[in-house]
Amino acid sequence: MSGRLTSAECSCPDLVAAPPSWVAELMGDADLESGLGADSCLTVRRRGSWALVRVVVPQALSMSRLSLERASSDAYRRVAAAIATLGQAPVRFWNFVPDLNASMDAQTDRYMAFNVGRYDACVEWFGAEGSFDRRLATASAVGVRAADLEVHCLTTGYPGDPVENPRQVSAYHYSTRYGRRPPCFARATRVHVDPTPLLLIGGTASIVGEESQHPGDVIAQTHETLDNIAALIANAAPDVAQPLERLRQLRVYLRDAAWARDAGSIVSSRCGGVRRLEFVQAQICRRELLVEIEGTASLPP
């Protein structure tokens, strides 16, 4: 990636409900699994030790708060059942929620309603909250313009290791200021891929502790987000001298496509090892947050 981005490299289309391009390359011409029931809203593709599970909840945009909570929980249960049939373990989730920031009542937006359903399903799947630090996979949840809710989960034949960020409160310990149930994901997952372990980094934003930082300032938020990613990589690999140089694939979610050049210049100047940088326009979990970044990092053996 060059230090100076071209207009083409800074293009920022509307988000389509699909994981980033590195996942498509990883799965390649994966075979569609059969024998997983008659659920027309669930698909599973498998290639070698990897699988990608996808559940679609049609017309979630028109659901009430209670219906969205139930539908989100049911989507995660269907993912869990498919993964159990495969005999694999989840290592990365992508959640695409229609109109993520829209209010559903005086205290609840659509992201908060989604979190209620996800939390309830994760408690059933992984056990009580006390086990989350050992069992949760990393994730992102962003808003799409489409009407359907989609959950995509990357799995492998062996569990990954959750990694947290010492600069942030673990998402599953957030206070009720951010919803009746907290977001249920690890900040990253370390995956044991030979010869180089891989760190799958979930959606990361300008949050320190549990507080949003630098409202209205996309440049400061981008720097803070990268500081969080650096701390996360350093926690996964304490001996790494320059954590951001370990980044390989990045997707940048922006609330406004016009910020792609500014955010991209910061990323390209601070993350010299990135091989692919893509931008998409999307709603982010809190209205005051303008940028969210996810990606992968190579770790020492």
C-alpha atoms as a PDB file:
ATOM      1  CA  MET A   1       0.000   0.000   0.000  1.00  0.00           C
ATOM      2  CA  SER A   2       1.441   3.352  -0.984  1.00  0.00           C
ATOM      3  CA  GLY A   3       1.790   6.187   1.515  1.00  0.00           C
ATOM      4  CA  ARG A   4      -0.299   8.398  -0.733  1.00  0.00           C
ATOM      5  CA  LEU A   5      -3.713   7.069  -1.663  1.00  0.00           C
ATOM      6  CA  THR A   6      -5.248   7.488  -5.085  1.00  0.00           C
ATOM      7  CA  SER A   7      -8.879   8.447  -5.642  1.00  0.00           C
ATOM      8  CA  ALA A   8      -9.662   4.845  -6.576  1.00  0.00           C
ATOM      9  CA  GLU A   9      -8.068   3.563  -3.371  1.00  0.00           C
ATOM     10  CA  CYS A  10     -10.187   6.032  -1.375  1.00  0.00           C
ATOM     11  CA  SER A  11     -13.508   5.036  -2.936  1.00  0.00           C
ATOM     12  CA  CYS A  12     -16.054   4.367  -0.193  1.00  0.00           C
ATOM     13  CA  PRO A  13     -19.185   2.578  -1.448  1.00  0.00           C
ATOM     14  CA  ASP A  14     -22.201   1.774   0.677  1.00  0.00           C
ATOM     15  CA  LEU A  15     -21.667  -1.333   2.762  1.00  0.00           C
ATOM     16  CA  VAL A  16     -22.982  -4.577   1.309  1.00  0.00           C
ATOM     17  CA  ALA A  17     -23.787  -7.293   3.843  1.00  0.00           C
ATOM     18  CA  ALA A  18     -20.678  -9.416   3.323  1.00  0.00           C
ATOM     19  CA  PRO A  19     -17.378  -9.932   5.141  1.00  0.00           C
ATOM     20  CA  PRO A  20     -14.297  -8.165   3.754  1.00  0.00           C
ATOM     21  CA  SER A  21     -12.552  -9.361   0.624  1.00  0.00           C
ATOM     22  CA  TRP A  22      -9.863 -11.373   2.435  1.00  0.00           C
ATOM     23  CA  VAL A  23     -12.585 -13.751   3.640  1.00  0.00           C
ATOM     24  CA  ALA A  24     -13.810 -14.316   0.082  1.00  0.00           C
ATOM     25  CA  GLU A  25     -10.230 -15.108  -0.942  1.00  0.00           C
ATOM     26  CA  LEU A  26      -9.784 -17.449   2.022  1.00  0.00           C
ATOM     27  CA  MET A  27     -12.935 -19.376   1.142  1.00  0.00           C
ATOM     28  CA  GLY A  28     -12.233 -19.347  -2.609  1.00  0.00           C
ATOM     29  CA  ASP A  29     -14.401 -21.898  -4.393  1.00  0.00           C
ATOM     30  CA  ALA A  30     -15.704 -23.364  -1.139  1.00  0.00           C
ATOM     31  CA  ASP A  31     -18.272 -26.127  -1.426  1.00  0.00           C
ATOM     32  CA  LEU A  32     -21.832 -25.520  -0.287  1.00  0.00           C
ATOM     33  CA  GLU A  33     -22.548 -27.888   2.596  1.00  0.00           C
ATOM     34  CA  SER A  34     -25.633 -30.075   2.501  1.00  0.00           C
ATOM     35  CA  GLY A  35     -27.404 -32.063   5.189  1.00  0.00           C
ATOM     36  CA  LEU A  36     -27.848 -29.117   7.556  1.00  0.00           C
ATOM     37  CA  GLY A  37     -31.623 -29.111   7.517  1.00  0.00           C
ATOM     38  CA  ALA A  38     -34.242 -27.373   5.394  1.00  0.00           C
ATOM     39  CA  ASP A  39     -33.470 -23.835   6.596  1.00  0.00           C
ATOM     40  CA  SER A  40     -33.573 -21.733   3.416  1.00  0.00           C
ATOM     41  CA  CYS A  41     -32.149 -18.751   5.313  1.00  0.00           C
ATOM     42  CA  LEU A  42     -28.961 -20.594   6.321  1.00  0.00           C
ATOM     43  CA  THR A  43     -26.003 -21.409   4.083  1.00  0.00           C
ATOM     44  CA  VAL A  44     -22.668 -22.988   4.945  1.00  0.00           C
ATOM     45  CA  ARG A  45     -19.604 -23.027   2.727  1.00  0.00           C
ATOM     46  CA  ARG A  46     -16.575 -25.111   3.627  1.00  0.00           C
ATOM     47  CA  ARG A  47     -13.007 -25.150   2.357  1.00  0.00           C
ATOM     48  CA  GLY A  48     -10.375 -27.232   4.092  1.00  0.00           C
ATOM     49  CA  SER A  49     -10.328 -26.418   7.808  1.00  0.00           C
ATOM     50  CA  TRP A  50     -12.433 -23.265   7.345  1.00  0.00           C
ATOM     51  CA  ALA A  51     -16.182 -22.758   7.042  1.00  0.00           C
ATOM     52  CA  LEU A  52     -18.369 -19.696   6.636  1.00  0.00           C
ATOM     53  CA  VAL A  53     -21.882 -19.827   8.094  1.00  0.00           C
ATOM     54  CA  ARG A  54     -24.483 -17.253   7.012  1.00  0.00           C
ATOM     55  CA  VAL A  55     -27.957 -16.686   8.428  1.00  0.00           C
ATOM     56  CA  VAL A  56     -30.387 -14.182   6.906  1.00  0.00           C
ATOM     57  CA  VAL A  57     -33.366 -12.757   8.796  1.00  0.00           C
ATOM     58  CA  PRO A  58     -35.704 -11.353   6.112  1.00  0.00           C
ATOM     59  CA  GLN A  59     -37.348  -7.956   6.598  1.00  0.00           C
ATOM     60  CA  ALA A  60     -35.816  -7.294  10.004  1.00  0.00           C
ATOM     61  CA  LEU A  61     -36.120  -3.581   9.259  1.00  0.00           C
ATOM     62  CA  SER A  62     -39.881  -3.712   9.780  1.00  0.00           C
ATOM     63  CA  MET A  63     -39.740  -5.637  13.079  1.00  0.00           C
ATOM     64  CA  SER A  64     -40.734  -4.296  16.465  1.00  0.00           C
ATOM     65  CA  ARG A  65     -38.147  -4.106  19.234  1.00  0.00           C
ATOM     66  CA  LEU A  66     -39.263  -7.373  20.801  1.00  0.00           C
ATOM     67  CA  SER A  67     -39.410  -9.140  17.432  1.00  0.00           C
ATOM     68  CA  LEU A  68     -35.907  -7.947  16.533  1.00  0.00           C
ATOM     69  CA  GLU A  69     -34.560  -9.162  19.878  1.00  0.00           C
ATOM     70  CA  ARG A  70     -36.091 -12.584  19.308  1.00  0.00           C
ATOM     71  CA  ALA A  71     -34.979 -12.761  15.682  1.00  0.00           C
ATOM     72  CA  SER A  72     -31.380 -11.838  16.601  1.00  0.00           C
ATOM     73  CA  SER A  73     -31.309 -14.509  19.276  1.00  0.00           C
ATOM     74  CA  ASP A  74     -32.753 -17.087  16.894  1.00  0.00           C
ATOM     75  CA  ALA A  75     -30.173 -16.199  14.215  1.00  0.00           C
ATOM     76  CA  TYR A  76     -27.355 -16.899  16.647  1.00  0.00           C
ATOM     77  CA  ARG A  77     -28.967 -20.169  17.714  1.00  0.00           C
ATOM     78  CA  ARG A  78     -29.107 -21.279  14.082  1.00  0.00           C
ATOM     79  CA  VAL A  79     -25.441 -20.367  13.631  1.00  0.00           C
ATOM     80  CA  ALA A  80     -24.556 -22.323  16.788  1.00  0.00           C
ATOM     81  CA  ALA A  81     -26.482 -25.388  15.610  1.00  0.00           C
ATOM     82  CA  ALA A  82     -24.783 -25.342  12.204  1.00  0.00           C
ATOM     83  CA  ILE A  83     -21.333 -25.016  13.759  1.00  0.00           C
ATOM     84  CA  ALA A  84     -22.057 -27.895  16.134  1.00  0.00           C
ATOM     85  CA  THR A  85     -23.022 -30.057  13.165  1.00  0.00           C
ATOM     86  CA  LEU A  86     -19.760 -29.133  11.453  1.00  0.00           C
ATOM     87  CA  GLY A  87     -17.784 -29.959  14.596  1.00  0.00           C
ATOM     88  CA  GLN A  88     -15.999 -26.599  14.407  1.00  0.00           C
ATOM     89  CA  ALA A  89     -15.509 -23.473  16.527  1.00  0.00           C
ATOM     90  CA  PRO A  90     -16.454 -19.844  15.776  1.00  0.00           C
ATOM     91  CA  VAL A  91     -13.539 -17.402  15.456  1.00  0.00           C
ATOM     92  CA  ARG A  92     -15.064 -14.305  13.809  1.00  0.00           C
ATOM     93  CA  PHE A  93     -18.581 -12.841  13.409  1.00  0.00           C
ATOM     94  CA  TRP A  94     -19.834 -10.111  11.087  1.00  0.00           C
ATOM     95  CA  ASN A  95     -23.288  -8.746  11.932  1.00  0.00           C
ATOM     96  CA  PHE A  96     -25.130  -6.517   9.463  1.00  0.00           C
ATOM     97  CA  VAL A  97     -28.089  -4.774  11.087  1.00  0.00           C
ATOM     98  CA  PRO A  98     -30.535  -2.675   9.047  1.00  0.00           C
ATOM     99  CA  ASP A  99     -30.758   0.984  10.155  1.00  0.00           C
ATOM    100  CA  LEU A 100     -28.534   0.263  13.150  1.00  0.00           C
ATOM    101  CA  ASN A 101     -28.917   3.624  14.927  1.00  0.00           C
ATOM    102  CA  ALA A 102     -32.684   4.074  14.539  1.00  0.00           C
ATOM    103  CA  SER A 103     -34.640   4.453  17.769  1.00  0.00           C
ATOM    104  CA  MET A 104     -37.098   1.708  18.685  1.00  0.00           C
ATOM    105  CA  ASP A 105     -38.321   3.317  21.893  1.00  0.00           C
ATOM    106  CA  ALA A 106     -37.155   6.083  24.237  1.00  0.00           C
ATOM    107  CA  GLN A 107     -34.244   4.023  25.611  1.00  0.00           C
ATOM    108  CA  THR A 108     -33.438   1.566  22.818  1.00  0.00           C
ATOM    109  CA  ASP A 109     -32.005   1.783  19.321  1.00  0.00           C
ATOM    110  CA  ARG A 110     -31.790  -1.093  16.864  1.00  0.00           C
ATOM    111  CA  TYR A 111     -28.228  -1.976  17.860  1.00  0.00           C
ATOM    112  CA  MET A 112     -29.271  -2.266  21.512  1.00  0.00           C
ATOM    113  CA  ALA A 113     -32.185  -4.518  20.539  1.00  0.00           C
ATOM    114  CA  PHE A 114     -29.861  -6.709  18.482  1.00  0.00           C
ATOM    115  CA  ASN A 115     -27.512  -6.935  21.482  1.00  0.00           C
ATOM    116  CA  VAL A 116     -30.294  -8.257  23.715  1.00  0.00           C
ATOM    117  CA  GLY A 117     -30.918 -11.159  21.359  1.00  0.00           C
ATOM    118  CA  ARG A 118     -27.233 -11.844  20.756  1.00  0.00           C
ATOM    119  CA  TYR A 119     -26.481 -11.823  24.494  1.00  0.00           C
ATOM    120  CA  ASP A 120     -29.267 -14.256  25.357  1.00  0.00           C
ATOM    121  CA  ALA A 121     -28.124 -16.676  22.637  1.00  0.00           C
ATOM    122  CA  CYS A 122     -24.471 -16.410  23.655  1.00  0.00           C
ATOM    123  CA  VAL A 123     -25.301 -17.246  27.261  1.00  0.00           C
ATOM    124  CA  GLU A 124     -27.022 -20.411  26.022  1.00  0.00           C
ATOM    125  CA  TRP A 125     -24.164 -21.194  23.635  1.00  0.00           C
ATOM    126  CA  PHE A 126     -21.077 -20.413  25.714  1.00  0.00           C
ATOM    127  CA  GLY A 127     -22.368 -20.475  29.278  1.00  0.00           C
ATOM    128  CA  ALA A 128     -22.801 -17.675  31.793  1.00  0.00           C
ATOM    129  CA  GLU A 129     -20.987 -14.361  31.391  1.00  0.00           C
ATOM    130  CA  GLY A 130     -18.127 -15.628  33.548  1.00  0.00           C
ATOM    131  CA  SER A 131     -17.018 -17.839  30.653  1.00  0.00           C
ATOM    132  CA  PHE A 132     -17.054 -15.112  27.998  1.00  0.00           C
ATOM    133  CA  ASP A 133     -13.388 -14.192  28.506  1.00  0.00           C
ATOM    134  CA  ARG A 134     -12.425 -17.737  27.483  1.00  0.00           C
ATOM    135  CA  ARG A 135     -14.978 -18.607  24.812  1.00  0.00           C
ATOM    136  CA  LEU A 136     -16.265 -15.577  22.880  1.00  0.00           C
ATOM    137  CA  ALA A 137     -15.097 -14.897  19.343  1.00  0.00           C
ATOM    138  CA  THR A 138     -14.433 -11.426  18.015  1.00  0.00           C
ATOM    139  CA  ALA A 139     -17.056  -9.570  15.965  1.00  0.00           C
ATOM    140  CA  SER A 140     -18.259  -6.404  14.318  1.00  0.00           C
ATOM    141  CA  ALA A 141     -21.810  -5.067  14.035  1.00  0.00           C
ATOM    142  CA  VAL A 142     -22.537  -2.275  11.583  1.00  0.00           C
ATOM    143  CA  GLY A 143     -25.552  -0.803   9.861  1.00  0.00           C
ATOM    144  CA  VAL A 144     -26.693  -1.549   6.322  1.00  0.00           C
ATOM    145  CA  ARG A 145     -29.310   0.084   4.105  1.00  0.00           C
ATOM    146  CA  ALA A 146     -30.894  -3.285   3.269  1.00  0.00           C
ATOM    147  CA  ALA A 147     -33.995  -4.610   5.042  1.00  0.00           C
ATOM    148  CA  ASP A 148     -32.533  -7.960   6.146  1.00  0.00           C
ATOM    149  CA  LEU A 149     -30.440  -8.772   9.193  1.00  0.00           C
ATOM    150  CA  GLU A 150     -27.459 -10.990   8.348  1.00  0.00           C
ATOM    151  CA  VAL A 151     -25.054 -12.872  10.612  1.00  0.00           C
ATOM    152  CA  HIS A 152     -21.885 -14.341   9.090  1.00  0.00           C
ATOM    153  CA  CYS A 153     -19.522 -16.517  11.109  1.00  0.00           C
ATOM    154  CA  LEU A 154     -16.063 -17.771  10.146  1.00  0.00           C
ATOM    155  CA  THR A 155     -15.191 -21.076  11.815  1.00  0.00           C
ATOM    156  CA  THR A 156     -12.241 -23.435  12.053  1.00  0.00           C
ATOM    157  CA  GLY A 157     -11.633 -26.931  13.353  1.00  0.00           C
ATOM    158  CA  TYR A 158     -10.060 -25.667  16.574  1.00  0.00           C
ATOM    159  CA  PRO A 159     -10.996 -22.850  18.999  1.00  0.00           C
ATOM    160  CA  GLY A 160      -9.194 -19.528  18.860  1.00  0.00           C
ATOM    161  CA  ASP A 161      -8.023 -17.547  21.884  1.00  0.00           C
ATOM    162  CA  PRO A 162      -9.970 -14.395  22.832  1.00  0.00           C
ATOM    163  CA  VAL A 163      -7.831 -11.274  23.257  1.00  0.00           C
ATOM    164  CA  GLU A 164      -8.922  -8.105  25.072  1.00  0.00           C
ATOM    165  CA  ASN A 165      -7.651  -4.519  24.974  1.00  0.00           C
ATOM    166  CA  PRO A 166      -6.212  -3.113  28.238  1.00  0.00           C
ATOM    167  CA  ARG A 167      -7.289   0.403  27.163  1.00  0.00           C
ATOM    168  CA  GLN A 168     -10.940  -0.627  26.990  1.00  0.00           C
ATOM    169  CA  VAL A 169     -13.572  -2.222  29.163  1.00  0.00           C
ATOM    170  CA  SER A 170     -14.452  -5.593  27.660  1.00  0.00           C
ATOM    171  CA  ALA A 171     -17.584  -5.049  25.588  1.00  0.00           C
ATOM    172  CA  TYR A 172     -19.527  -7.709  27.507  1.00  0.00           C
ATOM    173  CA  HIS A 173     -18.882  -5.710  30.717  1.00  0.00           C
ATOM    174  CA  TYR A 174     -20.322  -2.415  29.423  1.00  0.00           C
ATOM    175  CA  SER A 175     -22.713  -0.654  31.766  1.00  0.00           C
ATOM    176  CA  THR A 176     -26.435  -0.390  31.064  1.00  0.00           C
ATOM    177  CA  ARG A 177     -25.822   3.113  29.686  1.00  0.00           C
ATOM    178  CA  TYR A 178     -25.252   1.301  26.385  1.00  0.00           C
ATOM    179  CA  GLY A 179     -28.271  -0.972  26.492  1.00  0.00           C
ATOM    180  CA  ARG A 180     -30.147  -3.481  28.615  1.00  0.00           C
ATOM    181  CA  ARG A 181     -27.688  -6.177  27.542  1.00  0.00           C
ATOM    182  CA  PRO A 182     -24.053  -5.523  26.576  1.00  0.00           C
ATOM    183  CA  PRO A 183     -22.459  -6.263  23.203  1.00  0.00           C
ATOM    184  CA  CYS A 184     -21.250  -9.855  23.279  1.00  0.00           C
ATOM    185  CA  PHE A 185     -17.859 -10.253  21.584  1.00  0.00           C
ATOM    186  CA  ALA A 186     -14.119 -10.403  22.229  1.00  0.00           C
ATOM    187  CA  ARG A 187     -11.948  -7.575  20.941  1.00  0.00           C
ATOM    188  CA  ALA A 188      -9.897 -10.033  18.875  1.00  0.00           C
ATOM    189  CA  THR A 189      -9.336 -13.750  18.321  1.00  0.00           C
ATOM    190  CA  ARG A 190      -5.909 -15.336  18.000  1.00  0.00           C
ATOM    191  CA  VAL A 191      -6.135 -18.197  15.488  1.00  0.00           C
ATOM    192  CA  HIS A 192      -3.500 -20.913  15.370  1.00  0.00           C
ATOM    193  CA  VAL A 193      -2.618 -20.955  11.687  1.00  0.00           C
ATOM    194  CA  ASP A 194       0.717 -22.479  10.654  1.00  0.00           C
ATOM    195  CA  PRO A 195       3.322 -21.157  10.207  1.00  0.00           C
ATOM    196  CA  THR A 196       2.236 -17.691  11.418  1.00  0.00           C
ATOM    197  CA  PRO A 197      -0.547 -17.205  13.997  1.00  0.00           C
ATOM    198  CA  LEU A 198      -3.242 -14.807  12.859  1.00  0.00           C
ATOM    199  CA  LEU A 199      -5.005 -12.167  14.946  1.00  0.00           C
ATOM    200  CA  LEU A 200      -8.560 -11.484  13.794  1.00  0.00           C
ATOM    201  CA  ILE A 201      -9.381  -7.965  14.998  1.00  0.00           C
ATOM    202  CA  GLY A 202     -13.015  -7.095  15.572  1.00  0.00           C
ATOM    203  CA  GLY A 203     -14.684  -3.763  14.930  1.00  0.00           C
ATOM    204  CA  THR A 204     -12.628  -1.182  16.829  1.00  0.00           C
ATOM    205  CA  ALA A 205     -13.575   2.440  17.425  1.00  0.00           C
ATOM    206  CA  SER A 206     -12.539   5.545  19.339  1.00  0.00           C
ATOM    207  CA  ILE A 207     -13.521   4.246  22.775  1.00  0.00           C
ATOM    208  CA  VAL A 208     -11.370   4.349  25.913  1.00  0.00           C
ATOM    209  CA  GLY A 209     -12.739   2.521  28.934  1.00  0.00           C
ATOM    210  CA  GLU A 210     -16.318   2.478  27.728  1.00  0.00           C
ATOM    211  CA  GLU A 211     -16.494   6.157  26.764  1.00  0.00           C
ATOM    212  CA  SER A 212     -16.530   7.473  23.199  1.00  0.00           C
ATOM    213  CA  GLN A 213     -13.666   9.872  22.479  1.00  0.00           C
ATOM    214  CA  HIS A 214     -13.336  12.937  20.193  1.00  0.00           C
ATOM    215  CA  PRO A 215     -16.965  13.422  19.103  1.00  0.00           C
ATOM    216  CA  GLY A 216     -17.206  15.101  15.711  1.00  0.00           C
ATOM    217  CA  ASP A 217     -13.485  14.752  14.895  1.00  0.00           C
ATOM    218  CA  VAL A 218     -12.855  11.940  12.389  1.00  0.00           C
ATOM    219  CA  ILE A 219      -9.083  12.543  12.343  1.00  0.00           C
ATOM    220  CA  ALA A 220      -8.716  12.268  16.120  1.00  0.00           C
ATOM    221  CA  GLN A 221     -11.078   9.268  16.174  1.00  0.00           C
ATOM    222  CA  THR A 222      -9.013   7.488  13.515  1.00  0.00           C
ATOM    223  CA  HIS A 223      -5.827   7.992  15.522  1.00  0.00           C
ATOM    224  CA  GLU A 224      -7.531   6.811  18.737  1.00  0.00           C
ATOM    225  CA  THR A 225      -8.888   3.766  16.954  1.00  0.00           C
ATOM    226  CA  LEU A 226      -5.414   2.844  15.704  1.00  0.00           C
ATOM    227  CA  ASP A 227      -4.044   3.366  19.224  1.00  0.00           C
ATOM    228  CA  ASN A 228      -6.611   0.822  20.407  1.00  0.00           C
ATOM    229  CA  ILE A 229      -5.621  -1.633  17.690  1.00  0.00           C
ATOM    230  CA  ALA A 230      -1.939  -1.190  18.589  1.00  0.00           C
ATOM    231  CA  ALA A 231      -2.710  -1.941  22.246  1.00  0.00           C
ATOM    232  CA  LEU A 232      -4.722  -5.005  21.229  1.00  0.00           C
ATOM    233  CA  ILE A 233      -1.904  -6.418  19.084  1.00  0.00           C
ATOM    234  CA  ALA A 234       0.615  -5.673  21.845  1.00  0.00           C
ATOM    235  CA  ASN A 235      -1.547  -7.577  24.326  1.00  0.00           C
ATOM    236  CA  ALA A 236      -1.638 -10.557  21.972  1.00  0.00           C
ATOM    237  CA  ALA A 237       2.113 -10.391  21.249  1.00  0.00           C
ATOM    238  CA  PRO A 238       3.948  -8.433  23.991  1.00  0.00           C
ATOM    239  CA  ASP A 239       7.374  -8.812  22.326  1.00  0.00           C
ATOM    240  CA  VAL A 240       6.343  -7.046  19.111  1.00  0.00           C
ATOM    241  CA  ALA A 241       8.110  -3.670  18.909  1.00  0.00           C
ATOM    242  CA  GLN A 242       5.830  -2.003  16.318  1.00  0.00           C
ATOM    243  CA  PRO A 243       2.354  -3.520  16.618  1.00  0.00           C
ATOM    244  CA  LEU A 244       0.706  -1.625  13.766  1.00  0.00           C
ATOM    245  CA  GLU A 245       3.329  -2.931  11.336  1.00  0.00           C
ATOM    246  CA  ARG A 246       1.804  -6.375  11.881  1.00  0.00           C
ATOM    247  CA  LEU A 247      -1.493  -5.383  10.247  1.00  0.00           C
ATOM    248  CA  ARG A 248      -2.160  -7.011   6.890  1.00  0.00           C
ATOM    249  CA  GLN A 249      -5.823  -6.524   5.890  1.00  0.00           C
ATOM    250  CA  LEU A 250      -8.008  -3.626   6.994  1.00  0.00           C
ATOM    251  CA  ARG A 251     -11.591  -2.602   6.420  1.00  0.00           C
ATOM    252  CA  VAL A 252     -12.520   0.940   7.461  1.00  0.00           C
ATOM    253  CA  TYR A 253     -16.176   1.730   8.129  1.00  0.00           C
ATOM    254  CA  LEU A 254     -16.997   5.442   7.789  1.00  0.00           C
ATOM    255  CA  ARG A 255     -20.221   7.214   8.610  1.00  0.00           C
ATOM    256  CA  ASP A 256     -19.527   9.681   5.763  1.00  0.00           C
ATOM    257  CA  ALA A 257     -17.754   8.598   2.563  1.00  0.00           C
ATOM    258  CA  ALA A 258     -16.169  12.054   2.265  1.00  0.00           C
ATOM    259  CA  TRP A 259     -13.778  11.177   5.107  1.00  0.00           C
ATOM    260  CA  ALA A 260     -12.106   8.299   3.273  1.00  0.00           C
ATOM    261  CA  ARG A 261      -9.071  10.287   2.119  1.00  0.00           C
ATOM    262  CA  ASP A 262      -8.354  11.760   5.579  1.00  0.00           C
ATOM    263  CA  ALA A 263      -8.807   8.443   7.358  1.00  0.00           C
ATOM    264  CA  GLY A 264      -6.895   6.579   4.677  1.00  0.00           C
ATOM    265  CA  SER A 265      -3.921   8.921   4.877  1.00  0.00           C
ATOM    266  CA  ILE A 266      -3.659   8.312   8.606  1.00  0.00           C
ATOM    267  CA  VAL A 267      -3.947   4.558   8.222  1.00  0.00           C
ATOM    268  CA  SER A 268      -1.415   4.381   5.400  1.00  0.00           C
ATOM    269  CA  SER A 269       1.099   6.514   7.317  1.00  0.00           C
ATOM    270  CA  ARG A 270       0.819   4.489  10.542  1.00  0.00           C
ATOM    271  CA  CYS A 271       0.294   0.958   9.200  1.00  0.00           C
ATOM    272  CA  GLY A 272       3.055   0.308   6.691  1.00  0.00           C
ATOM    273  CA  GLY A 273       2.536  -3.458   6.464  1.00  0.00           C
ATOM    274  CA  VAL A 274      -1.074  -3.332   5.266  1.00  0.00           C
ATOM    275  CA  ARG A 275      -1.518  -5.173   1.984  1.00  0.00           C
ATOM    276  CA  ARG A 276      -5.176  -4.362   1.415  1.00  0.00           C
ATOM    277  CA  LEU A 277      -7.172  -1.376   2.658  1.00  0.00           C
ATOM    278  CA  GLU A 278     -10.851  -1.078   1.853  1.00  0.00           C
ATOM    279  CA  PHE A 279     -13.411   1.557   2.804  1.00  0.00           C
ATOM    280  CA  VAL A 280     -17.169   1.234   3.140  1.00  0.00           C
ATOM    281  CA  GLN A 281     -19.832   3.676   4.269  1.00  0.00           C
ATOM    282  CA  ALA A 282     -21.936   2.344   7.135  1.00  0.00           C
ATOM    283  CA  GLN A 283     -23.675   3.208  10.365  1.00  0.00           C
ATOM    284  CA  ILE A 284     -21.535   2.546  13.444  1.00  0.00           C
ATOM    285  CA  CYS A 285     -22.742   1.298  16.825  1.00  0.00           C
ATOM    286  CA  ARG A 286     -22.942   4.736  18.511  1.00  0.00           C
ATOM    287  CA  ARG A 287     -24.168   7.877  16.785  1.00  0.00           C
ATOM    288  CA  GLU A 288     -21.154   9.926  17.914  1.00  0.00           C
ATOM    289  CA  LEU A 289     -18.667   7.456  16.426  1.00  0.00           C
ATOM    290  CA  LEU A 290     -17.541   8.319  12.909  1.00  0.00           C
ATOM    291  CA  VAL A 291     -15.064   5.547  12.086  1.00  0.00           C
ATOM    292  CA  GLU A 292     -14.590   1.873  12.916  1.00  0.00           C
ATOM    293  CA  ILE A 293     -11.695  -0.336  11.785  1.00  0.00           C
ATOM    294  CA  GLU A 294     -11.326  -4.111  11.655  1.00  0.00           C
ATOM    295  CA  GLY A 295      -8.724  -6.387  10.131  1.00  0.00           C
ATOM    296  CA  THR A 296      -6.063  -9.032  10.521  1.00  0.00           C
ATOM    297  CA  ALA A 297      -2.522  -9.020  11.901  1.00  0.00           C
ATOM    298  CA  SER A 298       0.235 -11.594  11.591  1.00  0.00           C
ATOM    299  CA  LEU A 299       1.791 -12.606  14.915  1.00  0.00           C
ATOM    300  CA  PRO A 300       5.147 -14.157  15.770  1.00  0.00           C
ATOM    301  CA  PRO A 301       5.094 -17.960  15.975  1.00  0.00           C
END
